PDB file of N, CA and C in Angstrom:
ATOM      1  N   UNK A   1      -3.195  36.320 115.188  1.00  0.00           N
ATOM      2  CA  UNK A   1      -4.436  35.582 115.575  1.00  0.00           C
ATOM      3  C   UNK A   1      -5.617  36.563 114.825  1.00  0.00           C
ATOM      4  N   UNK A   2      -6.593  35.936 114.161  1.00  0.00           N
ATOM      5  CA  UNK A   2      -7.652  36.722 113.539  1.00  0.00           C
ATOM      6  C   UNK A   2      -9.138  35.970 113.793  1.00  0.00           C
ATOM      7  N   UNK A   3     -10.184  36.564 113.658  1.00  0.00           N
ATOM      8  CA  UNK A   3     -11.395  35.853 113.752  1.00  0.00           C
ATOM      9  C   UNK A   3     -12.076  35.716 112.660  1.00  0.00           C
ATOM     10  N   UNK A   4     -13.032  34.694 112.634  1.00  0.00           N
ATOM     11  CA  UNK A   4     -13.868  34.200 111.445  1.00  0.00           C
ATOM     12  C   UNK A   4     -15.196  34.415 112.058  1.00  0.00           C
ATOM     13  N   UNK A   5     -16.078  35.433 111.552  1.00  0.00           N
ATOM     14  CA  UNK A   5     -17.539  35.357 111.741  1.00  0.00           C
ATOM     15  C   UNK A   5     -18.320  34.859 110.807  1.00  0.00           C
ATOM     16  N   UNK A   6     -18.932  33.700 111.156  1.00  0.00           N
ATOM     17  CA  UNK A   6     -19.831  33.001 110.110  1.00  0.00           C
ATOM     18  C   UNK A   6     -21.257  33.705 110.296  1.00  0.00           C
ATOM     19  N   UNK A   7     -21.774  34.178 109.297  1.00  0.00           N
ATOM     20  CA  UNK A   7     -22.858  35.123 109.545  1.00  0.00           C
ATOM     21  C   UNK A   7     -24.027  34.676 108.458  1.00  0.00           C
ATOM     22  N   UNK A   8     -25.073  35.313 108.836  1.00  0.00           N
ATOM     23  CA  UNK A   8     -26.290  35.023 107.694  1.00  0.00           C
ATOM     24  C   UNK A   8     -26.719  36.298 107.528  1.00  0.00           C
ATOM     25  N   UNK A   9     -27.477  36.630 106.498  1.00  0.00           N
ATOM     26  CA  UNK A   9     -28.002  37.865 106.103  1.00  0.00           C
ATOM     27  C   UNK A   9     -29.093  38.219 106.853  1.00  0.00           C
ATOM     28  N   UNK A  10     -29.096  39.550 107.091  1.00  0.00           N
ATOM     29  CA  UNK A  10     -30.341  40.238 108.115  1.00  0.00           C
ATOM     30  C   UNK A  10     -30.379  39.558 109.444  1.00  0.00           C
ATOM     31  N   UNK A  11     -28.985  39.530 109.803  1.00  0.00           N
ATOM     32  CA  UNK A  11     -28.817  39.204 111.240  1.00  0.00           C
ATOM     33  C   UNK A  11     -27.983  40.452 112.101  1.00  0.00           C
ATOM     34  N   UNK A  12     -28.777  40.949 112.920  1.00  0.00           N
ATOM     35  CA  UNK A  12     -28.329  42.087 113.678  1.00  0.00           C
ATOM     36  C   UNK A  12     -27.050  41.950 114.670  1.00  0.00           C
ATOM     37  N   UNK A  13     -27.239  40.547 115.196  1.00  0.00           N
ATOM     38  CA  UNK A  13     -26.331  39.987 116.178  1.00  0.00           C
ATOM     39  C   UNK A  13     -24.879  39.908 115.215  1.00  0.00           C
ATOM     40  N   UNK A  14     -25.050  39.475 114.194  1.00  0.00           N
ATOM     41  CA  UNK A  14     -23.967  39.353 113.215  1.00  0.00           C
ATOM     42  C   UNK A  14     -23.341  40.880 112.666  1.00  0.00           C
ATOM     43  N   UNK A  15     -24.111  41.484 112.579  1.00  0.00           N
ATOM     44  CA  UNK A  15     -23.654  42.949 112.313  1.00  0.00           C
ATOM     45  C   UNK A  15     -22.993  43.528 113.508  1.00  0.00           C
ATOM     46  N   UNK A  16     -23.584  43.270 114.558  1.00  0.00           N
ATOM     47  CA  UNK A  16     -22.690  43.957 115.918  1.00  0.00           C
ATOM     48  C   UNK A  16     -21.622  43.190 116.148  1.00  0.00           C
ATOM     49  N   UNK A  17     -21.502  41.883 115.851  1.00  0.00           N
ATOM     50  CA  UNK A  17     -20.128  41.349 116.046  1.00  0.00           C
ATOM     51  C   UNK A  17     -18.964  41.825 115.096  1.00  0.00           C
ATOM     52  N   UNK A  18     -19.361  42.113 113.798  1.00  0.00           N
ATOM     53  CA  UNK A  18     -18.494  42.763 112.828  1.00  0.00           C
ATOM     54  C   UNK A  18     -18.170  43.957 113.350  1.00  0.00           C
ATOM     55  N   UNK A  19     -19.197  44.870 113.565  1.00  0.00           N
ATOM     56  CA  UNK A  19     -18.807  46.267 113.945  1.00  0.00           C
ATOM     57  C   UNK A  19     -17.913  46.168 115.234  1.00  0.00           C
ATOM     58  N   UNK A  20     -18.172  45.195 116.350  1.00  0.00           N
ATOM     59  CA  UNK A  20     -17.243  45.261 117.417  1.00  0.00           C
ATOM     60  C   UNK A  20     -15.828  44.885 116.935  1.00  0.00           C
ATOM     61  N   UNK A  21     -15.582  43.924 116.103  1.00  0.00           N
ATOM     62  CA  UNK A  21     -14.330  43.498 115.611  1.00  0.00           C
ATOM     63  C   UNK A  21     -13.697  44.650 114.811  1.00  0.00           C
ATOM     64  N   UNK A  22     -14.206  45.314 113.968  1.00  0.00           N
ATOM     65  CA  UNK A  22     -13.904  46.518 113.337  1.00  0.00           C
ATOM     66  C   UNK A  22     -13.565  47.900 114.389  1.00  0.00           C
ATOM     67  N   UNK A  23     -14.304  47.981 115.331  1.00  0.00           N
ATOM     68  CA  UNK A  23     -14.041  49.154 116.195  1.00  0.00           C
ATOM     69  C   UNK A  23     -12.778  48.679 117.219  1.00  0.00           C
ATOM     70  N   UNK A  24     -12.685  47.611 117.348  1.00  0.00           N
ATOM     71  CA  UNK A  24     -11.400  47.245 118.185  1.00  0.00           C
ATOM     72  C   UNK A  24     -10.116  46.786 117.365  1.00  0.00           C
ATOM     73  N   UNK A  25     -10.383  47.099 116.104  1.00  0.00           N
ATOM     74  CA  UNK A  25      -9.237  46.960 115.140  1.00  0.00           C
ATOM     75  C   UNK A  25      -8.745  45.470 115.322  1.00  0.00           C
ATOM     76  N   UNK A  26      -9.523  44.322 115.342  1.00  0.00           N
ATOM     77  CA  UNK A  26      -9.259  42.934 115.298  1.00  0.00           C
ATOM     78  C   UNK A  26      -9.421  42.371 113.803  1.00  0.00           C
ATOM     79  N   UNK A  27      -8.358  41.673 113.403  1.00  0.00           N
ATOM     80  CA  UNK A  27      -8.258  41.134 112.070  1.00  0.00           C
ATOM     81  C   UNK A  27      -9.459  40.254 111.814  1.00  0.00           C
ATOM     82  N   UNK A  28     -10.230  40.149 110.918  1.00  0.00           N
ATOM     83  CA  UNK A  28     -11.258  39.177 110.807  1.00  0.00           C
ATOM     84  C   UNK A  28     -11.738  38.869 109.468  1.00  0.00           C
ATOM     85  N   UNK A  29     -12.293  37.844 109.357  1.00  0.00           N
ATOM     86  CA  UNK A  29     -13.001  37.417 108.045  1.00  0.00           C
ATOM     87  C   UNK A  29     -14.380  37.295 108.474  1.00  0.00           C
ATOM     88  N   UNK A  30     -15.210  37.643 107.495  1.00  0.00           N
ATOM     89  CA  UNK A  30     -16.866  37.472 107.516  1.00  0.00           C
ATOM     90  C   UNK A  30     -17.199  36.605 106.400  1.00  0.00           C
ATOM     91  N   UNK A  31     -17.685  35.456 106.724  1.00  0.00           N
ATOM     92  CA  UNK A  31     -18.292  34.339 105.920  1.00  0.00           C
ATOM     93  C   UNK A  31     -19.746  34.282 105.960  1.00  0.00           C
ATOM     94  N   UNK A  32     -20.358  34.322 104.620  1.00  0.00           N
ATOM     95  CA  UNK A  32     -21.993  34.386 104.863  1.00  0.00           C
ATOM     96  C   UNK A  32     -22.373  33.107 104.341  1.00  0.00           C
ATOM     97  N   UNK A  33     -23.426  32.568 105.080  1.00  0.00           N
ATOM     98  CA  UNK A  33     -24.203  31.457 104.947  1.00  0.00           C
ATOM     99  C   UNK A  33     -24.689  31.207 103.605  1.00  0.00           C
ATOM    100  N   UNK A  34     -24.418  30.150 102.758  1.00  0.00           N
ATOM    101  CA  UNK A  34     -24.934  29.740 101.417  1.00  0.00           C
ATOM    102  C   UNK A  34     -24.271  30.679 100.391  1.00  0.00           C
ATOM    103  N   UNK A  35     -23.196  31.448 100.778  1.00  0.00           N
ATOM    104  CA  UNK A  35     -22.462  31.891  99.835  1.00  0.00           C
ATOM    105  C   UNK A  35     -21.050  31.527 100.057  1.00  0.00           C
ATOM    106  N   UNK A  36     -20.541  31.580 101.283  1.00  0.00           N
ATOM    107  CA  UNK A  36     -19.176  31.056 101.581  1.00  0.00           C
ATOM    108  C   UNK A  36     -19.060  29.702 102.241  1.00  0.00           C
ATOM    109  N   UNK A  37     -20.120  29.373 102.837  1.00  0.00           N
ATOM    110  CA  UNK A  37     -20.217  28.089 103.544  1.00  0.00           C
ATOM    111  C   UNK A  37     -21.675  27.728 103.530  1.00  0.00           C
ATOM    112  N   UNK A  38     -21.919  26.278 103.651  1.00  0.00           N
ATOM    113  CA  UNK A  38     -23.187  25.709 104.116  1.00  0.00           C
ATOM    114  C   UNK A  38     -23.183  25.137 105.531  1.00  0.00           C
ATOM    115  N   UNK A  39     -24.258  24.679 106.161  1.00  0.00           N
ATOM    116  CA  UNK A  39     -24.458  24.103 107.201  1.00  0.00           C
ATOM    117  C   UNK A  39     -23.329  22.804 107.808  1.00  0.00           C
ATOM    118  N   UNK A  40     -23.455  22.310 106.690  1.00  0.00           N
ATOM    119  CA  UNK A  40     -22.586  20.856 106.682  1.00  0.00           C
ATOM    120  C   UNK A  40     -21.075  21.421 107.202  1.00  0.00           C
ATOM    121  N   UNK A  41     -20.626  22.582 106.528  1.00  0.00           N
ATOM    122  CA  UNK A  41     -19.408  22.937 106.442  1.00  0.00           C
ATOM    123  C   UNK A  41     -19.135  23.812 107.820  1.00  0.00           C
ATOM    124  N   UNK A  42     -20.200  24.331 108.310  1.00  0.00           N
ATOM    125  CA  UNK A  42     -20.276  25.076 109.597  1.00  0.00           C
ATOM    126  C   UNK A  42     -20.043  24.234 110.740  1.00  0.00           C
ATOM    127  N   UNK A  43     -20.502  22.947 110.652  1.00  0.00           N
ATOM    128  CA  UNK A  43     -20.498  21.790 111.670  1.00  0.00           C
ATOM    129  C   UNK A  43     -19.134  21.214 111.740  1.00  0.00           C
ATOM    130  N   UNK A  44     -18.296  21.573 110.703  1.00  0.00           N
ATOM    131  CA  UNK A  44     -16.854  20.982 110.828  1.00  0.00           C
ATOM    132  C   UNK A  44     -16.119  21.650 111.873  1.00  0.00           C
ATOM    133  N   UNK A  45     -16.576  23.250 112.209  1.00  0.00           N
ATOM    134  CA  UNK A  45     -15.867  23.960 113.015  1.00  0.00           C
ATOM    135  C   UNK A  45     -16.520  24.466 114.269  1.00  0.00           C
ATOM    136  N   UNK A  46     -17.761  24.331 114.399  1.00  0.00           N
ATOM    137  CA  UNK A  46     -18.411  24.680 115.623  1.00  0.00           C
ATOM    138  C   UNK A  46     -19.435  23.417 116.148  1.00  0.00           C
ATOM    139  N   UNK A  47     -19.829  23.507 117.381  1.00  0.00           N
ATOM    140  CA  UNK A  47     -20.415  22.322 117.783  1.00  0.00           C
ATOM    141  C   UNK A  47     -21.861  22.143 117.246  1.00  0.00           C
ATOM    142  N   UNK A  48     -22.332  20.758 116.935  1.00  0.00           N
ATOM    143  CA  UNK A  48     -23.338  20.663 116.249  1.00  0.00           C
ATOM    144  C   UNK A  48     -24.824  21.095 116.888  1.00  0.00           C
ATOM    145  N   UNK A  49     -24.833  21.560 118.205  1.00  0.00           N
ATOM    146  CA  UNK A  49     -25.902  22.195 118.749  1.00  0.00           C
ATOM    147  C   UNK A  49     -26.106  23.451 118.808  1.00  0.00           C
ATOM    148  N   UNK A  50     -25.091  24.190 118.257  1.00  0.00           N
ATOM    149  CA  UNK A  50     -25.280  25.622 118.008  1.00  0.00           C
ATOM    150  C   UNK A  50     -26.485  25.891 117.014  1.00  0.00           C
ATOM    151  N   UNK A  51     -27.419  26.795 117.423  1.00  0.00           N
ATOM    152  CA  UNK A  51     -28.602  26.886 116.564  1.00  0.00           C
ATOM    153  C   UNK A  51     -28.522  28.440 116.346  1.00  0.00           C
ATOM    154  N   UNK A  52     -27.594  29.276 116.666  1.00  0.00           N
ATOM    155  CA  UNK A  52     -27.935  30.913 116.129  1.00  0.00           C
ATOM    156  C   UNK A  52     -26.675  31.290 115.727  1.00  0.00           C
ATOM    157  N   UNK A  53     -26.952  32.481 115.263  1.00  0.00           N
ATOM    158  CA  UNK A  53     -25.662  33.228 114.539  1.00  0.00           C
ATOM    159  C   UNK A  53     -25.619  34.482 115.204  1.00  0.00           C
ATOM    160  N   UNK A  54     -24.172  35.095 115.036  1.00  0.00           N
ATOM    161  CA  UNK A  54     -23.092  34.256 114.572  1.00  0.00           C
ATOM    162  C   UNK A  54     -22.433  33.422 115.484  1.00  0.00           C
ATOM    163  N   UNK A  55     -21.869  32.692 114.350  1.00  0.00           N
ATOM    164  CA  UNK A  55     -20.956  31.828 114.970  1.00  0.00           C
ATOM    165  C   UNK A  55     -19.452  32.021 114.813  1.00  0.00           C
ATOM    166  N   UNK A  56     -18.604  32.417 115.777  1.00  0.00           N
ATOM    167  CA  UNK A  56     -17.346  33.129 115.803  1.00  0.00           C
ATOM    168  C   UNK A  56     -16.162  32.048 116.324  1.00  0.00           C
ATOM    169  N   UNK A  57     -15.211  31.896 115.551  1.00  0.00           N
ATOM    170  CA  UNK A  57     -14.175  31.265 115.865  1.00  0.00           C
ATOM    171  C   UNK A  57     -13.098  32.309 115.768  1.00  0.00           C
ATOM    172  N   UNK A  58     -11.942  31.757 116.463  1.00  0.00           N
ATOM    173  CA  UNK A  58     -10.602  32.362 116.490  1.00  0.00           C
ATOM    174  C   UNK A  58      -9.546  31.665 115.687  1.00  0.00           C
ATOM    175  N   UNK A  59      -8.903  32.094 114.716  1.00  0.00           N
ATOM    176  CA  UNK A  59      -7.810  31.293 113.987  1.00  0.00           C
ATOM    177  C   UNK A  59      -6.387  31.705 114.474  1.00  0.00           C
ATOM    178  N   UNK A  60      -5.684  30.960 114.929  1.00  0.00           N
ATOM    179  CA  UNK A  60      -4.265  31.097 115.528  1.00  0.00           C
ATOM    180  C   UNK A  60      -3.430  29.846 115.002  1.00  0.00           C
ATOM    181  N   UNK A  61      -2.175  30.264 114.490  1.00  0.00           N
ATOM    182  CA  UNK A  61      -1.228  29.073 114.214  1.00  0.00           C
ATOM    183  C   UNK A  61      -1.924  28.104 113.331  1.00  0.00           C
ATOM    184  N   UNK A  62      -2.968  28.436 112.441  1.00  0.00           N
ATOM    185  CA  UNK A  62      -3.608  27.392 111.481  1.00  0.00           C
ATOM    186  C   UNK A  62      -4.803  26.716 112.012  1.00  0.00           C
ATOM    187  N   UNK A  63      -5.030  26.915 113.338  1.00  0.00           N
ATOM    188  CA  UNK A  63      -5.860  26.101 114.149  1.00  0.00           C
ATOM    189  C   UNK A  63      -7.140  27.059 114.483  1.00  0.00           C
ATOM    190  N   UNK A  64      -8.360  26.561 113.951  1.00  0.00           N
ATOM    191  CA  UNK A  64      -9.536  27.251 114.235  1.00  0.00           C
ATOM    192  C   UNK A  64     -10.290  26.754 115.492  1.00  0.00           C
ATOM    193  N   UNK A  65     -10.569  27.704 116.468  1.00  0.00           N
ATOM    194  CA  UNK A  65     -11.162  27.322 117.681  1.00  0.00           C
ATOM    195  C   UNK A  65     -12.461  28.177 117.929  1.00  0.00           C
ATOM    196  N   UNK A  66     -13.304  27.399 118.139  1.00  0.00           N
ATOM    197  CA  UNK A  66     -14.920  27.830 118.421  1.00  0.00           C
ATOM    198  C   UNK A  66     -14.971  28.836 119.637  1.00  0.00           C
ATOM    199  N   UNK A  67     -15.359  30.104 119.440  1.00  0.00           N
ATOM    200  CA  UNK A  67     -15.460  30.985 120.617  1.00  0.00           C
ATOM    201  C   UNK A  67     -16.918  31.086 121.123  1.00  0.00           C
ATOM    202  N   UNK A  68     -17.913  31.375 120.222  1.00  0.00           N
ATOM    203  CA  UNK A  68     -19.213  31.274 120.547  1.00  0.00           C
ATOM    204  C   UNK A  68     -20.041  32.254 119.648  1.00  0.00           C
ATOM    205  N   UNK A  69     -20.760  32.895 120.199  1.00  0.00           N
ATOM    206  CA  UNK A  69     -21.553  34.059 119.396  1.00  0.00           C
ATOM    207  C   UNK A  69     -21.235  35.431 119.871  1.00  0.00           C
ATOM    208  N   UNK A  70     -22.130  36.430 119.587  1.00  0.00           N
ATOM    209  CA  UNK A  70     -21.763  37.877 120.036  1.00  0.00           C
ATOM    210  C   UNK A  70     -21.340  37.877 121.522  1.00  0.00           C
ATOM    211  N   UNK A  71     -22.374  37.384 122.125  1.00  0.00           N
ATOM    212  CA  UNK A  71     -22.029  37.598 123.775  1.00  0.00           C
ATOM    213  C   UNK A  71     -20.620  36.906 124.221  1.00  0.00           C
ATOM    214  N   UNK A  72     -20.089  35.786 123.664  1.00  0.00           N
ATOM    215  CA  UNK A  72     -19.005  35.290 124.164  1.00  0.00           C
ATOM    216  C   UNK A  72     -17.821  36.154 123.397  1.00  0.00           C
ATOM    217  N   UNK A  73     -18.036  36.600 122.193  1.00  0.00           N
ATOM    218  CA  UNK A  73     -16.794  37.554 121.595  1.00  0.00           C
ATOM    219  C   UNK A  73     -16.672  38.778 122.624  1.00  0.00           C
ATOM    220  N   UNK A  74     -17.764  39.350 123.100  1.00  0.00           N
ATOM    221  CA  UNK A  74     -17.815  40.540 123.904  1.00  0.00           C
ATOM    222  C   UNK A  74     -17.011  40.242 125.178  1.00  0.00           C
ATOM    223  N   UNK A  75     -17.346  39.150 125.783  1.00  0.00           N
ATOM    224  CA  UNK A  75     -16.639  38.637 127.001  1.00  0.00           C
ATOM    225  C   UNK A  75     -15.100  38.578 126.666  1.00  0.00           C
ATOM    226  N   UNK A  76     -14.715  37.874 125.653  1.00  0.00           N
ATOM    227  CA  UNK A  76     -13.304  37.585 125.073  1.00  0.00           C
ATOM    228  C   UNK A  76     -12.616  38.882 125.128  1.00  0.00           C
ATOM    229  N   UNK A  77     -13.175  39.986 124.513  1.00  0.00           N
ATOM    230  CA  UNK A  77     -12.497  41.122 124.188  1.00  0.00           C
ATOM    231  C   UNK A  77     -12.463  42.160 125.550  1.00  0.00           C
ATOM    232  N   UNK A  78     -13.482  41.875 126.302  1.00  0.00           N
ATOM    233  CA  UNK A  78     -13.493  42.650 127.567  1.00  0.00           C
ATOM    234  C   UNK A  78     -12.575  42.093 128.595  1.00  0.00           C
ATOM    235  N   UNK A  79     -12.243  40.695 128.361  1.00  0.00           N
ATOM    236  CA  UNK A  79     -11.195  40.207 129.415  1.00  0.00           C
ATOM    237  C   UNK A  79      -9.937  40.189 128.624  1.00  0.00           C
ATOM    238  N   UNK A  80      -9.700  40.693 127.396  1.00  0.00           N
ATOM    239  CA  UNK A  80      -8.522  40.797 126.925  1.00  0.00           C
ATOM    240  C   UNK A  80      -7.857  39.206 126.569  1.00  0.00           C
ATOM    241  N   UNK A  81      -8.956  38.465 126.270  1.00  0.00           N
ATOM    242  CA  UNK A  81      -8.423  37.014 126.070  1.00  0.00           C
ATOM    243  C   UNK A  81      -8.232  36.912 124.444  1.00  0.00           C
ATOM    244  N   UNK A  82      -8.343  37.934 123.776  1.00  0.00           N
ATOM    245  CA  UNK A  82      -8.263  37.812 122.181  1.00  0.00           C
ATOM    246  C   UNK A  82      -6.985  37.965 121.897  1.00  0.00           C
TER     247      UNK A  82
END
């Protein structure tokens, strides 16, 4: 399993999510808005009502599942759900 962090430039929460994953040694990929994806592509994997970054998904067995933002990622890691 690995995480995908959909981020945007100059986003402190995005940087915190990346740092958390690195610190905890989780495999992850960072994708940058308007470089690696656009909003329409993002809405293919996250709910359309999401309006903040980062948007984090986990990829397991080829299936991408929406986790949430920074806070939801922290909860998953704290509870050992990752």
